[in-house]
Amino acid sequence: MILKDKLAAQIPKLREEAKNIVSKNGSAVIGEVTVEQIYGGMRGIKGLMCDTSEVGLDTGLIIRGIPILELTDKLPEEIFYLLLTGELPDHEGLVDLQNELKRRMDVPFYVWNVINGLPMETHPMVMLNTAVLVMENESFFKKRYEEGMPKDHLWEPMFWDALNLLARIPVIAAYIYRRKFNKGPRINSDFSLDWASNYARLLGINDPDGSFAKLMKLYLVLHSDHEGGNVSAMATQTVGSALSDMYFAISAGLNGLAGPLHGLANQECLRFILKLRDDIGHPPSDEEVKNYAINLLNNKKVISGYGHAVLRVTDPRFTAFCDFGEQVMKDDEIFRIVRQLYKVVPPILTEQGKVKDPWPNVDAASGALLFHYGMTEFEYYTVLFSVSRIIGLAAQLVINRAMMAPIIRPKSVTTKFVKNAVTPKKEEKKVAK
């Protein structure tokens, strides 16, 4: 397979480069840890390796050196290829990967039995995670490890697990949507379609002009990877570093993605917009949106979708979604409010000086676009996010096994340790005075 062969050819050089860096610079200090960071969830501590993507304060998401806004016309399959190799595939490489995924799309029968056996009130993310976890039975990695495969070759079965999971996850996720929300029976795949277009078809969303399929391509590209320190990525890589297989590790990441502070943000933003519309009672003017926002802030409430843990500029993924919205739903009532908020909120937040980042993140727009196409089931939005993010999580797992990354084991400290570490510094300052 072209992608596997290309990755195999790169691995020896990557391993040698990493070995030389550690050998020559192993004791070099590249950062420091503050008490604030220890108590603040390790925010900003440089302690992980991730070459697939990076998020700069003033750049947003960059995948393998390419800004995300330069990748919005690409397919998710191309992004997976790029994440693994640092190169976009040529036509032959893309078709080879697509064909490999298509021949792996057959979901084991017991997965359907497990999903159908869950109560209808089960959350869609529980359904998805359960389906991923039960497929651990299919893991090539587990089988090869138990057979004693050398560690420097374990990336290969991890690679095949990644392809199997990527091939099947849209089929599984689409059925979860149809079963959970009574949309009818499972739809059969169309093998003539690309990965994202087939997913759009399997969901059963009415799409006469094909624009929903285009949105799915864009959505799955924009959410595919976001460096290594976010909750889902770090959880996945931590579990994978213990030489757990793809299914155990991805399951851990999905559990993190299901949290309200991570993958649920897009639905919370949409709920905020709908409440704004309902509270005002009619299509609001810019002035009414402004007054609504000011009133929220004066009452110690937040404006959903504004601010980001890392970025200090408008999230370029928000820009990409807005550009799409301008093309296909410019007059949509909900999308219009998205644009109004973008116009009035940042100046208000800047003036009040209460946030480091007054700009919108990707979640400020994504839910509104899904809502436009009739996907009004908020509970499912995180499943969409998961289908996309598995692309990056799987790529990171393959690379980490290729690099024979060690088990992740940071050192924790006690409150007493922190007190002892900072108290002498305070006393020294008093003596100096």
Protein backbone atom coordinates (compact mmCIF):
# COMPACT_ATOMS: atom_id res chain seq x y z
CA MET A 1 0.00 0.00 0.00
CA ILE A 2 1.37 3.41 -1.01
CA LEU A 3 0.73 5.21 2.30
CA LYS A 4 2.21 2.38 4.39
CA ASP A 5 5.27 2.12 2.16
CA LYS A 6 5.87 5.87 2.31
CA LEU A 7 5.57 5.89 6.10
CA ALA A 8 7.85 2.86 6.41
CA ALA A 9 10.50 4.64 4.37
CA GLN A 10 10.37 7.71 6.63
CA ILE A 11 10.50 5.93 10.00
CA PRO A 12 14.25 5.05 10.17
CA LYS A 13 15.21 8.68 9.52
CA LEU A 14 12.70 9.97 12.07
CA ARG A 15 13.96 7.56 14.72
CA GLU A 16 17.58 8.52 14.07
CA GLU A 17 16.72 12.23 14.24
CA ALA A 18 14.97 11.80 17.60
CA LYS A 19 17.85 9.71 18.94
CA ASN A 20 20.39 12.37 17.94
CA ILE A 21 18.36 15.20 19.47
CA VAL A 22 18.18 13.41 22.82
CA SER A 23 21.82 12.29 22.67
CA LYS A 24 23.19 15.76 21.98
CA ASN A 25 20.68 17.91 23.86
CA GLY A 26 19.08 15.65 26.44
CA SER A 27 19.85 17.94 29.39
CA ALA A 28 18.84 21.18 27.66
CA VAL A 29 16.09 23.11 29.47
CA ILE A 30 13.26 24.21 27.15
CA GLY A 31 10.78 25.54 29.70
CA GLU A 32 9.82 25.95 33.32
CA VAL A 33 6.81 25.06 35.42
CA THR A 34 5.04 27.61 37.58
CA VAL A 35 2.80 27.00 40.57
CA GLU A 36 -0.05 28.51 38.58
CA GLN A 37 0.44 25.87 35.87
CA ILE A 38 0.47 23.03 38.39
CA TYR A 39 -2.82 24.18 39.87
CA GLY A 40 -4.22 25.17 36.47
CA GLY A 41 -4.32 21.78 34.78
CA MET A 42 -0.76 21.92 33.38
CA ARG A 43 -1.87 24.70 31.03
CA GLY A 44 0.93 25.70 28.69
CA ILE A 45 3.56 23.30 30.06
CA LYS A 46 5.72 22.03 27.21
CA GLY A 47 5.97 18.31 27.91
CA LEU A 48 4.62 16.38 24.91
CA MET A 49 5.81 15.62 21.39
CA CYS A 50 3.32 16.00 18.55
CA ASP A 51 4.44 16.52 14.97
CA THR A 52 1.04 16.07 13.31
CA SER A 53 -0.20 19.57 14.09
CA GLU A 54 0.39 22.67 16.19
CA VAL A 55 -1.77 25.54 17.40
CA GLY A 56 -0.09 28.93 17.57
CA LEU A 57 -1.37 31.87 19.59
CA ASP A 58 -1.71 34.01 16.49
CA THR A 59 -1.96 31.39 13.75
CA GLY A 60 -4.52 28.80 14.80
CA LEU A 61 -4.33 25.22 13.62
CA ILE A 62 -1.41 24.24 11.38
CA ILE A 63 -1.30 20.65 10.10
CA ARG A 64 2.19 19.47 9.17
CA GLY A 65 3.28 23.03 8.47
CA ILE A 66 0.20 23.94 6.41
CA PRO A 67 -2.33 26.46 7.83
CA ILE A 68 -5.77 24.91 8.08
CA LEU A 69 -7.33 27.53 5.78
CA GLU A 70 -5.13 26.17 2.99
CA LEU A 71 -6.58 22.69 3.47
CA THR A 72 -10.32 23.41 3.36
CA ASP A 73 -10.64 22.02 -0.17
CA LYS A 74 -9.05 18.70 0.78
CA LEU A 75 -10.72 15.41 1.65
CA PRO A 76 -10.41 13.84 5.12
CA GLU A 77 -8.52 10.93 3.55
CA GLU A 78 -5.92 13.40 2.26
CA ILE A 79 -5.58 14.87 5.74
CA PHE A 80 -4.95 11.43 7.25
CA TYR A 81 -2.23 10.84 4.66
CA LEU A 82 -0.76 14.28 5.43
CA LEU A 83 -0.82 13.69 9.19
CA LEU A 84 1.13 10.46 8.84
CA THR A 85 3.70 11.46 6.24
CA GLY A 86 3.90 15.26 6.16
CA GLU A 87 2.87 15.16 2.51
CA LEU A 88 -0.44 15.38 0.68
CA PRO A 89 -1.05 12.35 -1.52
CA ASP A 90 -0.93 12.45 -5.29
CA HIS A 91 -3.92 11.04 -7.19
CA GLU A 92 -2.57 7.48 -7.10
CA GLY A 93 -1.85 7.65 -3.37
CA LEU A 94 -5.31 9.04 -2.60
CA VAL A 95 -7.14 6.44 -4.67
CA ASP A 96 -5.05 3.67 -3.09
CA LEU A 97 -5.98 4.86 0.41
CA GLN A 98 -9.64 5.28 -0.50
CA ASN A 99 -9.82 1.78 -1.95
CA GLU A 100 -8.14 0.36 1.16
CA LEU A 101 -10.72 2.06 3.37
CA LYS A 102 -13.64 0.92 1.22
CA ARG A 103 -12.63 -2.73 1.40
CA ARG A 104 -12.48 -2.49 5.20
CA MET A 105 -15.93 -0.93 5.72
CA ASP A 106 -17.71 -4.15 6.66
CA VAL A 107 -18.64 -3.77 10.34
CA PRO A 108 -18.53 -6.98 12.46
CA PHE A 109 -22.06 -8.30 13.06
CA TYR A 110 -21.69 -8.22 16.83
CA VAL A 111 -21.23 -4.43 16.77
CA TRP A 112 -24.78 -4.04 15.45
CA ASN A 113 -26.01 -6.48 18.09
CA VAL A 114 -24.34 -4.49 20.86
CA ILE A 115 -25.71 -1.15 19.63
CA ASN A 116 -29.20 -2.58 19.21
CA GLY A 117 -29.01 -4.06 22.70
CA LEU A 118 -28.46 -0.66 24.33
CA PRO A 119 -31.50 1.20 25.73
CA MET A 120 -32.88 3.84 23.36
CA GLU A 121 -32.21 6.54 25.95
CA THR A 122 -28.47 5.78 25.85
CA HIS A 123 -26.40 8.83 24.91
CA PRO A 124 -25.03 8.65 21.32
CA MET A 125 -21.46 9.02 22.61
CA VAL A 126 -21.94 5.97 24.84
CA MET A 127 -23.20 4.06 21.80
CA LEU A 128 -20.19 5.14 19.75
CA ASN A 129 -17.63 4.44 22.45
CA THR A 130 -19.17 1.06 23.20
CA ALA A 131 -18.99 0.12 19.52
CA VAL A 132 -15.32 1.16 19.35
CA LEU A 133 -14.42 -0.75 22.48
CA VAL A 134 -16.11 -4.01 21.50
CA MET A 135 -14.16 -3.99 18.21
CA GLU A 136 -11.00 -4.44 20.30
CA ASN A 137 -11.59 -8.08 19.48
CA GLU A 138 -10.45 -7.21 15.93
CA SER A 139 -7.13 -5.63 16.92
CA PHE A 140 -4.12 -6.67 14.83
CA PHE A 141 -1.90 -4.86 17.33
CA LYS A 142 -3.11 -7.00 20.22
CA LYS A 143 -2.55 -10.21 18.26
CA ARG A 144 0.93 -9.25 17.05
CA TYR A 145 2.01 -8.05 20.50
CA GLU A 146 0.87 -11.30 22.10
CA GLU A 147 2.84 -13.19 19.44
CA GLY A 148 5.98 -11.32 20.51
CA MET A 149 6.42 -8.92 17.60
CA PRO A 150 9.48 -6.67 18.19
CA LYS A 151 8.61 -3.18 19.43
CA ASP A 152 10.20 -1.49 16.44
CA HIS A 153 7.63 -3.18 14.18
CA LEU A 154 4.51 -2.61 16.30
CA TRP A 155 3.57 0.47 14.30
CA GLU A 156 2.51 -1.79 11.42
CA PRO A 157 -0.39 -3.56 13.16
CA MET A 158 -1.32 -0.22 14.73
CA PHE A 159 -1.50 1.16 11.19
CA TRP A 160 -3.86 -1.60 10.05
CA ASP A 161 -6.02 -1.07 13.14
CA ALA A 162 -6.19 2.62 12.24
CA LEU A 163 -7.42 1.84 8.73
CA ASN A 164 -10.04 -0.60 10.00
CA LEU A 165 -11.34 1.87 12.56
CA LEU A 166 -11.38 4.79 10.13
CA ALA A 167 -13.18 2.72 7.51
CA ARG A 168 -15.91 1.59 9.88
CA ILE A 169 -16.47 4.59 12.13
CA PRO A 170 -18.66 6.61 9.69
CA VAL A 171 -20.84 3.55 9.07
CA ILE A 172 -21.27 2.97 12.80
CA ALA A 173 -21.77 6.63 13.65
CA ALA A 174 -24.41 7.09 10.95
CA TYR A 175 -26.39 4.09 12.18
CA ILE A 176 -26.27 5.45 15.73
CA TYR A 177 -27.86 8.66 14.44
CA ARG A 178 -30.61 6.81 12.62
CA ARG A 179 -31.37 4.42 15.48
CA LYS A 180 -31.18 6.93 18.31
CA PHE A 181 -33.41 9.50 16.64
CA ASN A 182 -35.82 7.17 14.81
CA LYS A 183 -34.65 8.08 11.32
CA GLY A 184 -35.32 4.67 9.81
CA PRO A 185 -33.27 1.57 9.00
CA ARG A 186 -29.54 1.46 8.32
CA ILE A 187 -28.55 2.73 4.88
CA ASN A 188 -26.06 0.82 2.73
CA SER A 189 -22.78 2.46 1.74
CA ASP A 190 -22.15 3.81 -1.74
CA PHE A 191 -18.66 2.64 -2.69
CA SER A 192 -18.42 5.23 -5.47
CA LEU A 193 -18.33 8.05 -2.91
CA ASP A 194 -15.44 9.45 -0.89
CA TRP A 195 -15.29 8.85 2.88
CA ALA A 196 -17.11 12.02 3.98
CA SER A 197 -19.72 11.97 1.19
CA ASN A 198 -20.60 8.38 2.05
CA TYR A 199 -20.98 9.37 5.71
CA ALA A 200 -23.33 12.19 4.68
CA ARG A 201 -25.36 9.72 2.65
CA LEU A 202 -25.52 7.18 5.47
CA LEU A 203 -26.91 9.81 7.85
CA GLY A 204 -29.90 10.22 5.54
CA ILE A 205 -29.99 14.02 5.68
CA ASN A 206 -31.95 15.53 2.78
CA ASP A 207 -29.29 16.93 0.47
CA PRO A 208 -30.68 17.70 -3.00
CA ASP A 209 -27.86 20.06 -4.00
CA GLY A 210 -25.02 18.13 -2.36
CA SER A 211 -24.08 21.00 -0.06
CA PHE A 212 -24.52 18.94 3.13
CA ALA A 213 -21.94 16.46 1.81
CA LYS A 214 -19.62 19.41 1.18
CA LEU A 215 -20.19 20.59 4.76
CA MET A 216 -19.31 17.12 6.05
CA LYS A 217 -16.03 17.17 4.09
CA LEU A 218 -15.19 20.56 5.57
CA TYR A 219 -16.33 19.64 9.10
CA LEU A 220 -14.30 16.41 9.15
CA VAL A 221 -11.18 18.21 7.92
CA LEU A 222 -11.43 21.14 10.34
CA HIS A 223 -11.85 18.97 13.47
CA SER A 224 -9.37 16.25 12.48
CA ASP A 225 -6.42 17.18 14.70
CA HIS A 226 -5.49 19.84 17.27
CA GLU A 227 -1.98 19.02 18.53
CA GLY A 228 -1.29 16.65 21.42
CA GLY A 229 -2.28 18.39 24.65
CA ASN A 230 -6.07 18.64 24.39
CA VAL A 231 -8.06 16.22 26.54
CA SER A 232 -8.97 13.65 23.88
CA ALA A 233 -5.50 13.60 22.31
CA MET A 234 -3.65 13.39 25.63
CA ALA A 235 -5.98 10.70 26.97
CA THR A 236 -5.54 8.67 23.78
CA GLN A 237 -1.77 8.96 23.74
CA THR A 238 -1.41 8.27 27.47
CA VAL A 239 -3.35 5.01 27.17
CA GLY A 240 -1.57 4.13 23.93
CA SER A 241 1.82 4.71 25.57
CA ALA A 242 1.09 1.74 27.83
CA LEU A 243 1.02 -0.35 24.61
CA SER A 244 -2.74 -0.59 24.76
CA ASP A 245 -4.15 -1.14 21.28
CA MET A 246 -5.95 1.34 19.03
CA TYR A 247 -9.42 0.52 20.37
CA PHE A 248 -8.59 0.89 24.06
CA ALA A 249 -6.72 4.14 23.38
CA ILE A 250 -9.33 5.73 21.11
CA SER A 251 -12.04 4.77 23.59
CA ALA A 252 -10.18 6.71 26.28
CA GLY A 253 -9.96 9.74 24.01
CA LEU A 254 -13.67 9.60 23.20
CA ASN A 255 -14.49 9.55 26.90
CA GLY A 256 -12.61 12.82 27.22
CA LEU A 257 -14.21 14.26 24.10
CA ALA A 258 -17.63 13.68 25.64
CA GLY A 259 -16.92 16.18 28.42
CA PRO A 260 -18.81 19.50 28.47
CA LEU A 261 -15.54 21.47 28.36
CA HIS A 262 -14.29 19.68 25.23
CA GLY A 263 -16.55 18.09 22.62
CA LEU A 264 -19.89 19.42 23.87
CA ALA A 265 -19.00 23.04 23.25
CA ASN A 266 -20.57 23.26 19.78
CA GLN A 267 -24.01 22.27 21.01
CA GLU A 268 -23.76 24.68 23.95
CA CYS A 269 -22.97 27.50 21.51
CA LEU A 270 -25.98 26.65 19.38
CA ARG A 271 -28.23 26.51 22.44
CA PHE A 272 -26.99 29.98 23.35
CA ILE A 273 -27.84 31.37 19.90
CA LEU A 274 -31.32 29.81 19.92
CA LYS A 275 -31.99 31.19 23.39
CA LEU A 276 -30.85 34.64 22.26
CA ARG A 277 -33.29 34.47 19.36
CA ASP A 278 -36.16 33.25 21.58
CA ASP A 279 -35.46 35.80 24.32
CA ILE A 280 -35.53 38.70 21.86
CA GLY A 281 -38.56 37.23 20.12
CA HIS A 282 -37.79 38.26 16.55
CA PRO A 283 -34.84 38.46 14.16
CA PRO A 284 -32.60 40.78 16.21
CA SER A 285 -30.86 43.93 15.09
CA ASP A 286 -27.16 44.44 15.72
CA GLU A 287 -28.01 46.80 18.55
CA GLU A 288 -30.28 44.23 20.20
CA VAL A 289 -27.58 41.58 19.98
CA LYS A 290 -25.09 44.02 21.48
CA ASN A 291 -27.39 44.91 24.39
CA TYR A 292 -28.11 41.22 24.99
CA ALA A 293 -24.40 40.44 25.18
CA ILE A 294 -23.67 43.36 27.51
CA ASN A 295 -26.50 42.29 29.81
CA LEU A 296 -25.10 38.76 30.02
CA LEU A 297 -21.64 40.03 30.93
CA ASN A 298 -23.04 42.44 33.51
CA ASN A 299 -24.77 39.47 35.13
CA LYS A 300 -21.50 37.49 35.36
CA LYS A 301 -22.46 35.14 32.51
CA VAL A 302 -20.40 34.09 29.50
CA ILE A 303 -20.97 34.41 25.78
CA SER A 304 -20.70 30.90 24.41
CA GLY A 305 -18.19 30.37 21.65
CA TYR A 306 -15.93 33.30 22.49
CA GLY A 307 -12.47 32.81 23.95
CA HIS A 308 -10.06 29.92 23.52
CA ALA A 309 -7.58 28.18 25.82
CA VAL A 310 -4.73 28.69 23.34
CA LEU A 311 -5.65 31.09 20.55
CA ARG A 312 -5.45 34.87 20.75
CA VAL A 313 -6.97 35.45 17.29
CA THR A 314 -10.15 34.43 15.53
CA ASP A 315 -10.06 30.66 15.15
CA PRO A 316 -9.38 30.09 11.43
CA ARG A 317 -11.77 27.13 11.56
CA PHE A 318 -14.53 29.60 12.51
CA THR A 319 -13.54 31.64 9.46
CA ALA A 320 -13.77 28.55 7.25
CA PHE A 321 -17.25 27.71 8.51
CA CYS A 322 -18.41 31.30 8.05
CA ASP A 323 -17.07 31.36 4.50
CA PHE A 324 -19.07 28.19 3.81
CA GLY A 325 -22.17 29.70 5.40
CA GLU A 326 -21.88 32.84 3.28
CA GLN A 327 -21.93 30.66 0.17
CA VAL A 328 -24.86 28.37 0.97
CA MET A 329 -27.00 29.88 3.76
CA LYS A 330 -26.35 33.60 3.84
CA ASP A 331 -29.95 34.45 4.73
CA ASP A 332 -30.44 31.70 7.31
CA GLU A 333 -31.78 33.25 10.53
CA ILE A 334 -29.43 31.38 12.87
CA PHE A 335 -26.37 31.93 10.71
CA ARG A 336 -27.19 35.62 10.57
CA ILE A 337 -26.98 35.77 14.37
CA VAL A 338 -23.59 34.04 14.22
CA ARG A 339 -22.34 36.86 12.00
CA GLN A 340 -23.91 39.51 14.23
CA LEU A 341 -22.23 38.11 17.33
CA TYR A 342 -18.89 38.14 15.52
CA LYS A 343 -19.47 41.79 14.71
CA VAL A 344 -20.46 43.02 18.16
CA VAL A 345 -18.96 40.69 20.80
CA PRO A 346 -15.16 41.06 20.36
CA PRO A 347 -15.23 44.88 20.79
CA ILE A 348 -17.32 44.50 23.96
CA LEU A 349 -14.99 41.88 25.47
CA THR A 350 -11.93 43.94 24.48
CA GLU A 351 -13.36 47.05 26.11
CA GLN A 352 -14.17 45.22 29.35
CA GLY A 353 -10.73 43.59 29.40
CA LYS A 354 -12.01 40.47 31.16
CA VAL A 355 -10.71 37.85 28.74
CA LYS A 356 -7.35 37.16 27.11
CA ASP A 357 -9.02 36.13 23.86
CA PRO A 358 -12.16 38.05 22.77
CA TRP A 359 -12.39 36.19 19.45
CA PRO A 360 -14.70 33.32 18.41
CA ASN A 361 -13.60 29.70 18.34
CA VAL A 362 -14.77 27.02 15.92
CA ASP A 363 -17.78 26.10 18.06
CA ALA A 364 -19.31 29.54 17.61
CA ALA A 365 -20.30 28.60 14.05
CA SER A 366 -20.31 24.84 13.52
CA GLY A 367 -23.59 24.02 15.26
CA ALA A 368 -25.50 26.68 13.34
CA LEU A 369 -24.50 25.10 10.03
CA LEU A 370 -25.63 21.63 11.14
CA PHE A 371 -28.91 23.09 12.37
CA HIS A 372 -29.54 24.62 8.94
CA TYR A 373 -29.61 21.15 7.37
CA GLY A 374 -32.14 19.85 9.87
CA MET A 375 -29.69 18.08 12.15
CA THR A 376 -31.31 19.49 15.26
CA GLU A 377 -30.38 16.63 17.59
CA PHE A 378 -27.76 18.36 19.73
CA GLU A 379 -26.75 15.15 21.49
CA TYR A 380 -25.29 13.85 18.25
CA TYR A 381 -22.96 16.76 17.54
CA THR A 382 -20.13 15.30 19.62
CA VAL A 383 -20.35 12.08 17.63
CA LEU A 384 -19.68 14.12 14.48
CA PHE A 385 -16.71 15.69 16.24
CA SER A 386 -15.50 12.21 17.20
CA VAL A 387 -15.68 10.84 13.65
CA SER A 388 -13.41 13.69 12.61
CA ARG A 389 -11.03 13.68 15.57
CA ILE A 390 -10.38 9.93 15.27
CA ILE A 391 -8.43 10.81 12.11
CA GLY A 392 -5.87 12.72 14.16
CA LEU A 393 -5.93 10.45 17.20
CA ALA A 394 -5.28 7.39 15.07
CA ALA A 395 -2.47 9.10 13.17
CA GLN A 396 -0.80 10.15 16.42
CA LEU A 397 -1.01 6.59 17.77
CA VAL A 398 0.63 5.15 14.66
CA ILE A 399 3.43 7.71 14.77
CA ASN A 400 4.06 7.21 18.47
CA ARG A 401 4.44 3.47 17.96
CA ALA A 402 6.70 4.09 14.96
CA MET A 403 8.88 6.27 17.19
CA MET A 404 8.69 3.68 20.00
CA ALA A 405 7.51 6.42 22.35
CA PRO A 406 7.93 5.52 26.04
CA ILE A 407 5.11 5.27 28.53
CA ILE A 408 3.82 8.69 29.60
CA ARG A 409 4.56 9.12 33.29
CA PRO A 410 4.86 12.72 34.54
CA LYS A 411 5.81 13.33 38.17
CA SER A 412 3.13 14.61 40.52
CA VAL A 413 3.85 16.68 43.64
CA THR A 414 2.01 17.28 46.90
CA THR A 415 0.66 20.53 48.28
CA LYS A 416 3.38 20.32 50.93
CA PHE A 417 6.02 20.13 48.20
CA VAL A 418 4.65 23.25 46.53
CA LYS A 419 4.52 25.15 49.84
CA ASN A 420 8.11 24.20 50.63
CA ALA A 421 9.20 25.20 47.13
CA VAL A 422 7.70 28.70 47.26
CA THR A 423 8.01 29.67 50.94
CA PRO A 424 11.80 30.21 50.98
CA LYS A 425 11.48 32.52 47.99
CA LYS A 426 9.02 34.69 49.88
CA GLU A 427 11.29 34.84 52.94
CA GLU A 428 14.26 35.82 50.77
CA LYS A 429 12.28 38.70 49.34
CA LYS A 430 11.48 39.94 52.86
CA VAL A 431 15.17 39.82 53.85
CA ALA A 432 16.12 41.71 50.71
CA LYS A 433 13.74 44.51 51.61
